[in-house]
Amino acid sequence: MAHILIMPRQGNTVESCIIQEWKVQERDAVKAETTVCVVETDKATFDVPAGADGLVLKILHPGGDDVPVLQPIAVIGKEGEDWNAALGGASGENAAGESSHGRSETQNAVSAGTDRPHSRNIDAVPAVLPSSLSAPGTMGISPRAKKRAIKEGIPPTAIAGSGPGGRTIERDVIAALADRPLLTAAAKAAAAAGSTVPNAGTGMGGRITSADMAGAAAATGAATDTAGTFFPAASDEGGITETPIKGIRKLIADRMHASLAESAQFTLNANASAVQLQELRNWMKNQKQKNEELAKITINDLVLYAVSRVLPSYPYMNAHKIGDLLRTYERVHLGMAVDTPRGLMVPVIRNANLLPLRQISAQAKRLAAACQDGSIKSEELSGSTFTVSNLGSFGITGFTPVLNSPDVAILGICAIELKPVESGDEECTFAYEPHIGFSLTINHQVVDGAPAARFLKALCQAVADIKLTLAIG
């Protein structure tokens, strides 16, 4: 009885996963619990079990593919079974390549019934076929192929199809692109409108520009694109590497763009005396032999603690903007930006305003380590009500942190630096004291500058008097 392994749903917000690597090959024997592949989401990596005993009859997507959740990725069955028939008669490559479009009602029902299905039995559930596939002779171009063709500036009607009934599918578009030089965005638009694409270009890396499309190459061997940017001749350039933006990097890019597009972001900068911070940190470090846990508490942990104690007095900062609704929270769920090899992640310290300093420190370290090694759980990466980002260790003295929507505020922690402070005597002398900088970005749609400034002033005071903050916390 053939078994279709589908891409699991790793949380309600995950729409697709990247197949990081296959642990098995076609014709390998597997048990139900055997890990057949490792998949990567925007948050973490997960092992995918086979879900059934048998042979790996067909792998539908190679490693590196970004596959929508709940779509077939492999077929497992017995020796001699037809994997093609298991998918309903469509070619395996076609079923895989075009699977992100036209879910059947059955598949949607499977999606609604469980959050993390790993496989589907074809005898219990009818095979899934893209709804865009119809009878031979009525084929045109698949939605995915059409989208790719338009994006790349290729007239969809100019591509010969190799799919069922002559249907143009994505691999046909990819093949057409392989025979064509790279184009600038303006050149792609001209190509999509029907302009002839020349065999070579004068843009960066040999790209074809709109000037090339119009037959106007620069006599000096250089070219200017439609934005007026000057590019040297291709012969004068070194090597060029192009890396697809996908996976977590693509999600970060989309979220950052959406955050700026959907909110009115405004940043305030201030600094607080770091004398007590440094004194307390040095004292804790000296307690290593007596209390190793205490010695591990960092200045970042102390600031997180101060934030968690100040926020409840300013509920409009501990809030979400959801459409035309402002939702404030009694408890502080503190997000903290973590830099990882896979990109930026924001794990959440739940109920931070109720936790003592040691627990905040321990949680921060555990969550950061989980982000680094890829073991972080999906539920630990959502639900923040306020976010903190620390670039102080890099010597950054001021920056504009981007809102982690739907949060209405994010605090940037900057480096500690010496600043002159008036001594207060009659001679008006000055002394240099360490100060820590803060950059607070707010959503000006719901938080005005003055209320945000009041919060930031209170935070600076709490940090400057961190010993008192800990005593009354």
Protein backbone atom coordinates (compact mmCIF):
# COMPACT_ATOMS: atom_id res chain seq x y z
CA MET A 1 0.00 0.00 0.00
CA ALA A 2 1.84 3.10 -1.23
CA HIS A 3 2.43 5.93 1.20
CA ILE A 4 2.84 9.59 0.18
CA LEU A 5 5.14 11.53 2.47
CA ILE A 6 4.16 15.20 2.60
CA MET A 7 5.96 18.29 3.82
CA PRO A 8 4.92 18.66 7.49
CA ARG A 9 3.35 21.83 8.79
CA GLN A 10 5.72 23.23 11.42
CA GLY A 11 3.41 25.75 13.08
CA ASN A 12 0.47 27.75 11.83
CA THR A 13 2.55 30.56 10.34
CA VAL A 14 4.92 28.37 8.30
CA GLU A 15 3.93 28.24 4.63
CA SER A 16 6.90 26.34 3.20
CA CYS A 17 10.04 24.50 4.25
CA ILE A 18 13.41 24.02 2.58
CA ILE A 19 14.67 20.46 2.26
CA GLN A 20 18.08 20.84 3.83
CA GLU A 21 19.24 17.31 3.01
CA TRP A 22 17.96 13.83 2.28
CA LYS A 23 19.17 11.14 4.69
CA VAL A 24 18.09 8.36 2.32
CA GLN A 25 18.21 7.62 -1.38
CA GLU A 26 15.69 6.07 -3.73
CA ARG A 27 15.37 2.30 -3.29
CA ASP A 28 16.52 2.50 0.36
CA ALA A 29 14.53 0.46 2.87
CA VAL A 30 13.10 2.52 5.74
CA LYS A 31 11.09 2.04 8.90
CA ALA A 32 8.24 4.33 9.89
CA GLU A 33 10.45 6.10 12.41
CA THR A 34 13.45 6.46 10.08
CA THR A 35 14.50 10.07 9.47
CA VAL A 36 14.36 10.47 5.71
CA CYS A 37 15.17 14.16 5.44
CA VAL A 38 15.93 17.31 7.38
CA VAL A 39 13.80 20.37 6.60
CA GLU A 40 14.42 24.00 7.44
CA THR A 41 11.81 26.63 8.22
CA ASP A 42 12.29 30.31 8.89
CA LYS A 43 12.69 29.34 12.55
CA ALA A 44 14.54 26.06 12.94
CA THR A 45 15.38 22.66 11.44
CA PHE A 46 13.34 19.48 11.88
CA ASP A 47 13.76 15.79 11.16
CA VAL A 48 11.01 14.24 9.02
CA PRO A 49 10.28 10.55 9.62
CA ALA A 50 9.20 8.18 6.84
CA GLY A 51 5.84 7.50 8.45
CA ALA A 52 5.62 3.98 7.00
CA ASP A 53 7.76 0.87 6.46
CA GLY A 54 8.90 0.13 2.93
CA LEU A 55 11.16 1.29 0.12
CA VAL A 56 11.74 4.89 -0.93
CA LEU A 57 10.17 4.57 -4.37
CA LYS A 58 10.57 8.20 -5.42
CA ILE A 59 12.04 11.43 -4.05
CA LEU A 60 10.00 14.25 -5.57
CA HIS A 61 12.11 17.23 -4.54
CA PRO A 62 15.92 17.43 -4.36
CA GLY A 63 17.79 18.94 -1.44
CA GLY A 64 17.63 22.73 -1.43
CA ASP A 65 14.07 22.95 -2.79
CA ASP A 66 11.62 25.27 -1.02
CA VAL A 67 8.44 23.18 -0.78
CA PRO A 68 5.01 24.39 0.39
CA VAL A 69 3.69 22.60 3.47
CA LEU A 70 1.36 19.64 2.96
CA GLN A 71 2.76 18.93 -0.51
CA PRO A 72 4.18 15.50 -1.54
CA ILE A 73 7.94 15.14 -1.16
CA ALA A 74 8.41 11.38 -1.48
CA VAL A 75 6.57 8.10 -2.10
CA ILE A 76 7.22 5.04 0.08
CA GLY A 77 5.88 1.62 -0.79
CA LYS A 78 6.64 -2.00 -1.55
CA GLU A 79 8.93 -3.46 -4.17
CA GLY A 80 7.30 -3.26 -7.60
CA GLU A 81 4.69 -0.62 -6.71
CA ASP A 82 4.22 2.22 -9.18
CA TRP A 83 5.00 5.56 -7.48
CA ASN A 84 3.58 7.38 -10.49
CA ALA A 85 0.23 5.69 -10.02
CA ALA A 86 0.35 6.57 -6.33
CA LEU A 87 0.35 10.23 -7.29
CA GLY A 88 -2.69 9.75 -9.48
CA GLY A 89 -0.97 9.23 -12.84
CA ALA A 90 0.82 12.58 -13.05
CA SER A 91 4.54 12.42 -13.60
CA GLY A 92 6.47 12.61 -10.34
CA GLU A 93 8.45 15.62 -11.51
CA ASN A 94 5.29 17.41 -12.51
CA ALA A 95 3.50 16.62 -9.26
CA ALA A 96 6.46 17.94 -7.33
CA GLY A 97 7.25 20.95 -9.47
CA GLU A 98 3.72 22.24 -9.71
CA SER A 99 2.41 21.17 -6.30
CA SER A 100 2.16 24.59 -4.73
CA HIS A 101 -0.88 25.52 -6.84
CA GLY A 102 -4.43 24.31 -6.74
CA ARG A 103 -4.76 22.24 -3.57
CA SER A 104 -7.61 19.80 -3.72
CA GLU A 105 -10.45 19.93 -1.25
CA THR A 106 -9.16 16.73 0.28
CA GLN A 107 -5.78 18.24 0.98
CA ASN A 108 -7.33 21.32 2.54
CA ALA A 109 -9.35 19.04 4.77
CA VAL A 110 -6.14 17.31 5.85
CA SER A 111 -4.63 20.73 6.55
CA ALA A 112 -7.59 21.78 8.65
CA GLY A 113 -7.64 18.56 10.60
CA THR A 114 -4.11 18.57 12.00
CA ASP A 115 -1.29 21.00 12.52
CA ARG A 116 1.66 18.76 11.78
CA PRO A 117 0.84 15.83 9.50
CA HIS A 118 3.87 14.01 8.13
CA SER A 119 2.29 11.64 5.66
CA ARG A 120 -0.90 10.50 4.05
CA ASN A 121 -2.12 7.02 3.15
CA ILE A 122 -3.37 7.00 -0.41
CA ASP A 123 -5.94 4.30 0.28
CA ALA A 124 -7.52 6.45 3.00
CA VAL A 125 -7.28 9.79 1.20
CA PRO A 126 -7.65 10.30 -2.55
CA ALA A 127 -4.49 11.27 -4.40
CA VAL A 128 -3.76 14.96 -4.69
CA LEU A 129 -3.45 16.51 -8.09
CA PRO A 130 -3.04 20.20 -8.88
CA SER A 131 -6.46 21.57 -9.72
CA SER A 132 -4.95 23.43 -12.65
CA LEU A 133 -4.30 20.15 -14.48
CA SER A 134 -7.09 19.41 -16.92
CA ALA A 135 -7.59 17.21 -19.92
CA PRO A 136 -4.86 17.10 -22.62
CA GLY A 137 -5.36 19.63 -25.35
CA THR A 138 -6.63 22.30 -22.99
CA MET A 139 -3.26 22.88 -21.37
CA GLY A 140 -1.67 26.34 -21.31
CA ILE A 141 0.82 27.39 -18.69
CA SER A 142 0.81 26.55 -14.99
CA PRO A 143 0.37 29.42 -12.51
CA ARG A 144 3.86 28.87 -11.10
CA ALA A 145 5.46 28.85 -14.54
CA LYS A 146 3.49 31.93 -15.60
CA LYS A 147 4.55 33.83 -12.49
CA ARG A 148 8.19 32.89 -13.05
CA ALA A 149 8.06 33.80 -16.74
CA ILE A 150 6.56 37.24 -16.05
CA LYS A 151 9.07 37.87 -13.31
CA GLU A 152 11.97 37.02 -15.63
CA GLY A 153 10.59 39.00 -18.54
CA ILE A 154 9.80 36.06 -20.84
CA PRO A 155 6.50 36.18 -22.76
CA PRO A 156 4.63 33.09 -21.46
CA THR A 157 3.35 32.26 -24.93
CA ALA A 158 6.90 32.04 -26.26
CA ILE A 159 7.87 29.02 -24.15
CA ALA A 160 7.36 25.51 -25.47
CA GLY A 161 5.79 23.21 -22.91
CA SER A 162 6.99 19.77 -21.87
CA GLY A 163 4.26 18.98 -19.36
CA PRO A 164 1.20 16.81 -19.92
CA GLY A 165 -0.56 17.75 -23.11
CA GLY A 166 2.11 20.30 -23.94
CA ARG A 167 1.48 22.32 -20.78
CA THR A 168 4.23 24.81 -19.94
CA ILE A 169 5.57 24.17 -16.46
CA GLU A 170 8.28 25.79 -14.38
CA ARG A 171 11.11 23.60 -15.63
CA ASP A 172 10.41 24.89 -19.17
CA VAL A 173 10.84 28.46 -17.95
CA ILE A 174 14.07 27.50 -16.19
CA ALA A 175 15.36 25.88 -19.36
CA ALA A 176 14.56 29.04 -21.33
CA LEU A 177 16.42 31.13 -18.78
CA ALA A 178 19.49 28.92 -19.04
CA ASP A 179 19.94 29.97 -22.66
CA ARG A 180 19.54 33.67 -21.99
CA PRO A 181 21.97 36.23 -20.47
CA LEU A 182 21.06 38.00 -17.23
CA LEU A 183 18.84 41.08 -17.58
CA THR A 184 18.36 44.19 -15.48
CA ALA A 185 14.88 44.84 -14.08
CA ALA A 186 14.15 47.41 -16.79
CA ALA A 187 15.35 45.03 -19.49
CA LYS A 188 13.10 42.27 -18.11
CA ALA A 189 10.13 44.61 -18.38
CA ALA A 190 11.04 45.40 -21.97
CA ALA A 191 11.47 41.70 -22.76
CA ALA A 192 8.08 40.87 -21.25
CA ALA A 193 6.59 43.52 -23.52
CA GLY A 194 8.01 41.69 -26.53
CA SER A 195 11.35 43.43 -27.17
CA THR A 196 14.12 41.33 -28.68
CA VAL A 197 16.75 40.16 -26.23
CA PRO A 198 20.33 40.51 -27.61
CA ASN A 199 22.94 37.81 -27.14
CA ALA A 200 25.19 39.92 -24.93
CA GLY A 201 24.90 42.93 -22.65
CA THR A 202 27.05 45.80 -21.49
CA GLY A 203 25.78 45.97 -17.91
CA MET A 204 27.43 44.68 -14.77
CA GLY A 205 28.49 41.07 -15.16
CA GLY A 206 27.43 41.11 -18.79
CA ARG A 207 23.83 41.91 -17.94
CA ILE A 208 21.58 43.16 -20.70
CA THR A 209 20.29 46.66 -19.94
CA SER A 210 17.36 48.59 -21.34
CA ALA A 211 19.88 50.46 -23.49
CA ASP A 212 21.02 47.16 -24.97
CA MET A 213 17.41 46.23 -25.60
CA ALA A 214 17.01 49.44 -27.58
CA GLY A 215 20.21 48.74 -29.49
CA ALA A 216 22.11 51.64 -27.86
CA ALA A 217 25.36 50.19 -26.46
CA ALA A 218 27.91 52.67 -25.09
CA ALA A 219 30.92 53.22 -27.31
CA THR A 220 33.37 53.09 -24.38
CA GLY A 221 32.34 49.63 -23.35
CA ALA A 222 30.39 50.94 -20.37
CA ALA A 223 26.64 51.30 -19.93
CA THR A 224 24.03 53.10 -17.87
CA ASP A 225 20.83 51.44 -16.72
CA THR A 226 17.46 53.18 -16.50
CA ALA A 227 18.14 54.33 -12.94
CA GLY A 228 21.19 56.22 -14.14
CA THR A 229 23.70 53.94 -12.41
CA PHE A 230 27.04 53.64 -14.17
CA PHE A 231 28.50 50.17 -14.68
CA PRO A 232 32.06 49.51 -15.86
CA ALA A 233 32.64 47.24 -18.81
CA ALA A 234 32.28 43.55 -18.07
CA SER A 235 35.90 42.94 -19.04
CA ASP A 236 37.05 45.19 -16.17
CA GLU A 237 35.19 43.29 -13.47
CA GLY A 238 36.24 40.55 -11.12
CA GLY A 239 34.20 37.52 -10.17
CA ILE A 240 30.52 37.87 -9.28
CA THR A 241 28.61 35.54 -7.00
CA GLU A 242 24.82 35.41 -7.02
CA THR A 243 23.05 33.72 -4.10
CA PRO A 244 19.28 33.12 -4.11
CA ILE A 245 17.50 34.84 -1.22
CA LYS A 246 15.36 32.11 0.27
CA GLY A 247 14.47 30.37 3.50
CA ILE A 248 14.90 32.39 6.65
CA ARG A 249 16.82 35.13 4.82
CA LYS A 250 13.89 35.69 2.47
CA LEU A 251 11.45 35.72 5.36
CA ILE A 252 13.56 38.28 7.22
CA ALA A 253 13.69 40.43 4.09
CA ASP A 254 9.92 40.23 3.61
CA ARG A 255 9.19 40.97 7.26
CA MET A 256 11.56 43.93 7.42
CA HIS A 257 10.01 45.41 4.29
CA ALA A 258 6.49 44.80 5.59
CA SER A 259 7.38 46.33 8.95
CA LEU A 260 8.58 49.55 7.35
CA ALA A 261 5.72 49.63 4.85
CA GLU A 262 2.95 49.07 7.37
CA SER A 263 4.05 51.28 10.28
CA ALA A 264 5.27 54.83 10.94
CA GLN A 265 8.61 54.16 12.59
CA PHE A 266 10.25 56.83 14.72
CA THR A 267 13.45 56.45 16.77
CA LEU A 268 14.50 58.20 19.98
CA ASN A 269 18.03 58.03 21.40
CA ALA A 270 19.17 58.45 25.01
CA ASN A 271 21.87 57.21 27.37
CA ALA A 272 22.10 56.21 31.01
CA SER A 273 24.93 56.10 33.49
CA ALA A 274 26.57 52.68 33.43
CA VAL A 275 28.58 53.10 36.63
CA GLN A 276 26.36 50.81 38.71
CA LEU A 277 25.95 48.39 35.81
CA GLN A 278 29.70 47.89 35.54
CA GLU A 279 30.21 47.77 39.31
CA LEU A 280 27.50 45.13 39.71
CA ARG A 281 28.75 43.12 36.74
CA ASN A 282 32.33 43.13 38.07
CA TRP A 283 31.13 42.05 41.52
CA MET A 284 29.14 39.18 40.00
CA LYS A 285 32.13 38.02 37.94
CA ASN A 286 34.17 37.82 41.14
CA GLN A 287 31.61 35.42 42.63
CA LYS A 288 32.49 32.65 40.17
CA GLN A 289 33.97 30.32 42.78
CA LYS A 290 31.03 30.81 45.13
CA ASN A 291 28.19 31.00 42.60
CA GLU A 292 28.88 30.16 38.96
CA GLU A 293 25.31 30.97 37.90
CA LEU A 294 25.58 34.48 39.34
CA ALA A 295 28.92 35.02 37.61
CA LYS A 296 27.30 34.35 34.21
CA ILE A 297 24.86 37.26 34.47
CA THR A 298 25.75 39.86 31.84
CA ILE A 299 25.05 43.55 31.37
CA ASN A 300 22.53 42.52 28.70
CA ASP A 301 20.70 40.41 31.30
CA LEU A 302 20.61 43.37 33.68
CA VAL A 303 19.11 45.60 30.98
CA LEU A 304 16.52 42.93 30.11
CA TYR A 305 15.56 42.81 33.77
CA ALA A 306 15.23 46.60 33.94
CA VAL A 307 13.06 46.63 30.80
CA SER A 308 10.77 43.95 32.24
CA ARG A 309 10.27 46.02 35.42
CA VAL A 310 9.65 49.37 33.74
CA LEU A 311 7.28 48.22 30.97
CA PRO A 312 4.24 47.40 33.20
CA SER A 313 4.07 51.08 34.18
CA TYR A 314 3.84 52.04 30.50
CA PRO A 315 1.33 49.57 29.02
CA TYR A 316 1.09 51.45 25.72
CA MET A 317 4.68 50.33 25.05
CA ASN A 318 3.94 46.69 25.87
CA ALA A 319 1.40 46.31 23.11
CA HIS A 320 0.47 45.14 19.63
CA LYS A 321 -1.10 47.10 16.79
CA ILE A 322 -3.44 44.75 14.95
CA GLY A 323 -5.26 46.57 12.18
CA ASP A 324 -7.13 49.42 13.85
CA LEU A 325 -6.88 47.78 17.26
CA LEU A 326 -4.30 48.50 19.98
CA ARG A 327 -3.93 45.50 22.27
CA THR A 328 -2.01 46.12 25.51
CA TYR A 329 -0.68 43.36 27.76
CA GLU A 330 -0.40 43.07 31.52
CA ARG A 331 2.51 40.66 31.32
CA VAL A 332 5.77 41.26 29.51
CA HIS A 333 6.76 38.69 26.90
CA LEU A 334 10.23 39.91 26.06
CA GLY A 335 11.59 39.20 22.58
CA MET A 336 15.34 39.36 22.12
CA ALA A 337 17.06 39.51 18.75
CA VAL A 338 19.63 36.74 18.28
CA ASP A 339 22.17 36.67 15.47
CA THR A 340 22.58 33.15 14.06
CA PRO A 341 24.34 31.64 11.03
CA ARG A 342 20.88 31.24 9.46
CA GLY A 343 19.84 34.84 10.09
CA LEU A 344 18.10 36.92 12.74
CA MET A 345 15.79 35.14 15.18
CA VAL A 346 13.68 36.59 17.99
CA PRO A 347 13.00 34.07 20.78
CA VAL A 348 10.70 35.15 23.59
CA ILE A 349 11.20 35.18 27.37
CA ARG A 350 7.65 34.54 28.60
CA ASN A 351 6.32 36.45 31.61
CA ALA A 352 9.62 38.26 32.02
CA ASN A 353 8.15 40.76 34.52
CA LEU A 354 7.48 37.86 36.90
CA LEU A 355 10.94 36.27 36.66
CA PRO A 356 13.89 37.06 38.94
CA LEU A 357 17.17 38.16 37.39
CA ARG A 358 18.72 34.70 37.49
CA GLN A 359 15.84 33.14 35.57
CA ILE A 360 15.84 35.90 32.96
CA SER A 361 19.59 35.34 32.50
CA ALA A 362 19.17 31.55 32.26
CA GLN A 363 16.26 31.83 29.82
CA ALA A 364 18.13 34.30 27.63
CA LYS A 365 21.13 31.99 27.37
CA ARG A 366 19.04 28.87 26.75
CA LEU A 367 16.99 30.50 24.02
CA ALA A 368 20.05 32.02 22.33
CA ALA A 369 21.84 28.65 22.35
CA ALA A 370 18.76 26.92 20.90
CA CYS A 371 18.63 29.49 18.08
CA GLN A 372 22.30 28.92 17.33
CA ASP A 373 22.09 25.12 17.14
CA GLY A 374 18.70 25.02 15.39
CA SER A 375 16.82 23.29 18.22
CA ILE A 376 14.57 26.26 19.01
CA LYS A 377 10.85 25.43 19.04
CA SER A 378 8.34 27.30 16.88
CA GLU A 379 6.30 28.38 19.89
CA GLU A 380 9.40 29.98 21.43
CA LEU A 381 9.75 32.31 18.46
CA SER A 382 6.41 34.05 18.58
CA GLY A 383 4.26 36.09 20.92
CA SER A 384 6.64 38.87 21.98
CA THR A 385 5.03 42.06 23.29
CA PHE A 386 8.26 44.10 23.31
CA THR A 387 11.62 43.38 21.68
CA VAL A 388 15.22 44.16 22.59
CA SER A 389 18.14 44.15 20.15
CA ASN A 390 21.73 44.49 21.40
CA LEU A 391 24.49 45.73 19.09
CA GLY A 392 26.57 47.23 21.88
CA SER A 393 29.13 44.41 21.79
CA PHE A 394 30.04 45.53 18.26
CA GLY A 395 30.81 49.05 19.43
CA ILE A 396 27.65 50.52 17.89
CA THR A 397 26.77 53.80 19.60
CA GLY A 398 23.38 54.36 17.93
CA PHE A 399 21.14 52.66 15.38
CA THR A 400 17.54 52.38 14.22
CA PRO A 401 16.12 48.99 15.20
CA VAL A 402 13.23 47.90 12.96
CA LEU A 403 9.94 47.01 14.64
CA ASN A 404 9.18 43.35 15.17
CA SER A 405 5.53 43.61 14.09
CA PRO A 406 2.96 43.60 15.58
CA ASP A 407 4.99 45.00 18.52
CA VAL A 408 4.69 48.78 18.76
CA ALA A 409 8.20 49.30 20.15
CA ILE A 410 11.70 47.85 20.04
CA LEU A 411 14.70 48.87 22.14
CA GLY A 412 18.23 48.92 20.78
CA ILE A 413 21.05 48.52 23.31
CA CYS A 414 24.21 50.38 22.28
CA ALA A 415 27.82 50.37 23.43
CA ILE A 416 29.08 51.77 26.70
CA GLU A 417 31.24 54.85 26.20
CA LEU A 418 32.70 57.61 28.35
CA LYS A 419 30.79 60.89 28.52
CA PRO A 420 31.59 64.11 30.41
CA VAL A 421 29.50 64.70 33.52
CA GLU A 422 29.49 67.94 35.49
CA SER A 423 30.90 67.39 38.98
CA GLY A 424 28.53 69.86 40.63
CA ASP A 425 31.12 71.91 42.50
CA GLU A 426 31.48 75.66 42.23
CA GLU A 427 34.37 75.40 39.77
CA CYS A 428 32.14 73.64 37.22
CA THR A 429 34.61 70.84 36.59
CA PHE A 430 33.77 67.74 34.61
CA ALA A 431 34.53 64.06 35.03
CA TYR A 432 34.14 61.22 32.54
CA GLU A 433 31.71 58.44 33.40
CA PRO A 434 30.65 55.37 31.41
CA HIS A 435 27.21 55.64 29.79
CA ILE A 436 25.18 53.02 27.93
CA GLY A 437 23.20 54.13 24.89
CA PHE A 438 19.64 53.21 23.98
CA SER A 439 17.80 53.58 20.65
CA LEU A 440 14.03 53.18 20.96
CA THR A 441 11.94 52.74 17.81
CA ILE A 442 8.18 53.16 18.14
CA ASN A 443 5.20 52.86 15.85
CA HIS A 444 4.13 56.51 15.68
CA GLN A 445 0.70 55.41 14.50
CA VAL A 446 -0.21 54.46 18.07
CA VAL A 447 2.59 55.84 20.28
CA ASP A 448 3.50 59.51 20.27
CA GLY A 449 6.97 60.88 20.87
CA ALA A 450 6.36 62.34 24.33
CA PRO A 451 4.90 59.14 25.90
CA ALA A 452 7.74 57.12 24.35
CA ALA A 453 10.25 59.63 25.74
CA ARG A 454 8.75 59.23 29.22
CA PHE A 455 9.21 55.47 29.03
CA LEU A 456 12.78 55.83 27.80
CA LYS A 457 13.60 58.30 30.56
CA ALA A 458 12.21 55.92 33.18
CA LEU A 459 14.21 53.05 31.71
CA CYS A 460 17.42 55.10 31.76
CA GLN A 461 16.80 55.91 35.42
CA ALA A 462 16.14 52.24 36.24
CA VAL A 463 19.37 51.22 34.51
CA ALA A 464 21.41 54.00 36.12
CA ASP A 465 20.06 52.88 39.55
CA ILE A 466 20.16 49.17 38.73
CA LYS A 467 20.99 48.20 42.33
CA LEU A 468 17.81 49.90 43.54
CA THR A 469 15.84 48.41 40.64
CA LEU A 470 16.96 44.93 41.70
CA ALA A 471 16.19 45.66 45.35
CA ILE A 472 12.58 46.69 44.70
CA GLY A 473 11.99 44.42 41.70
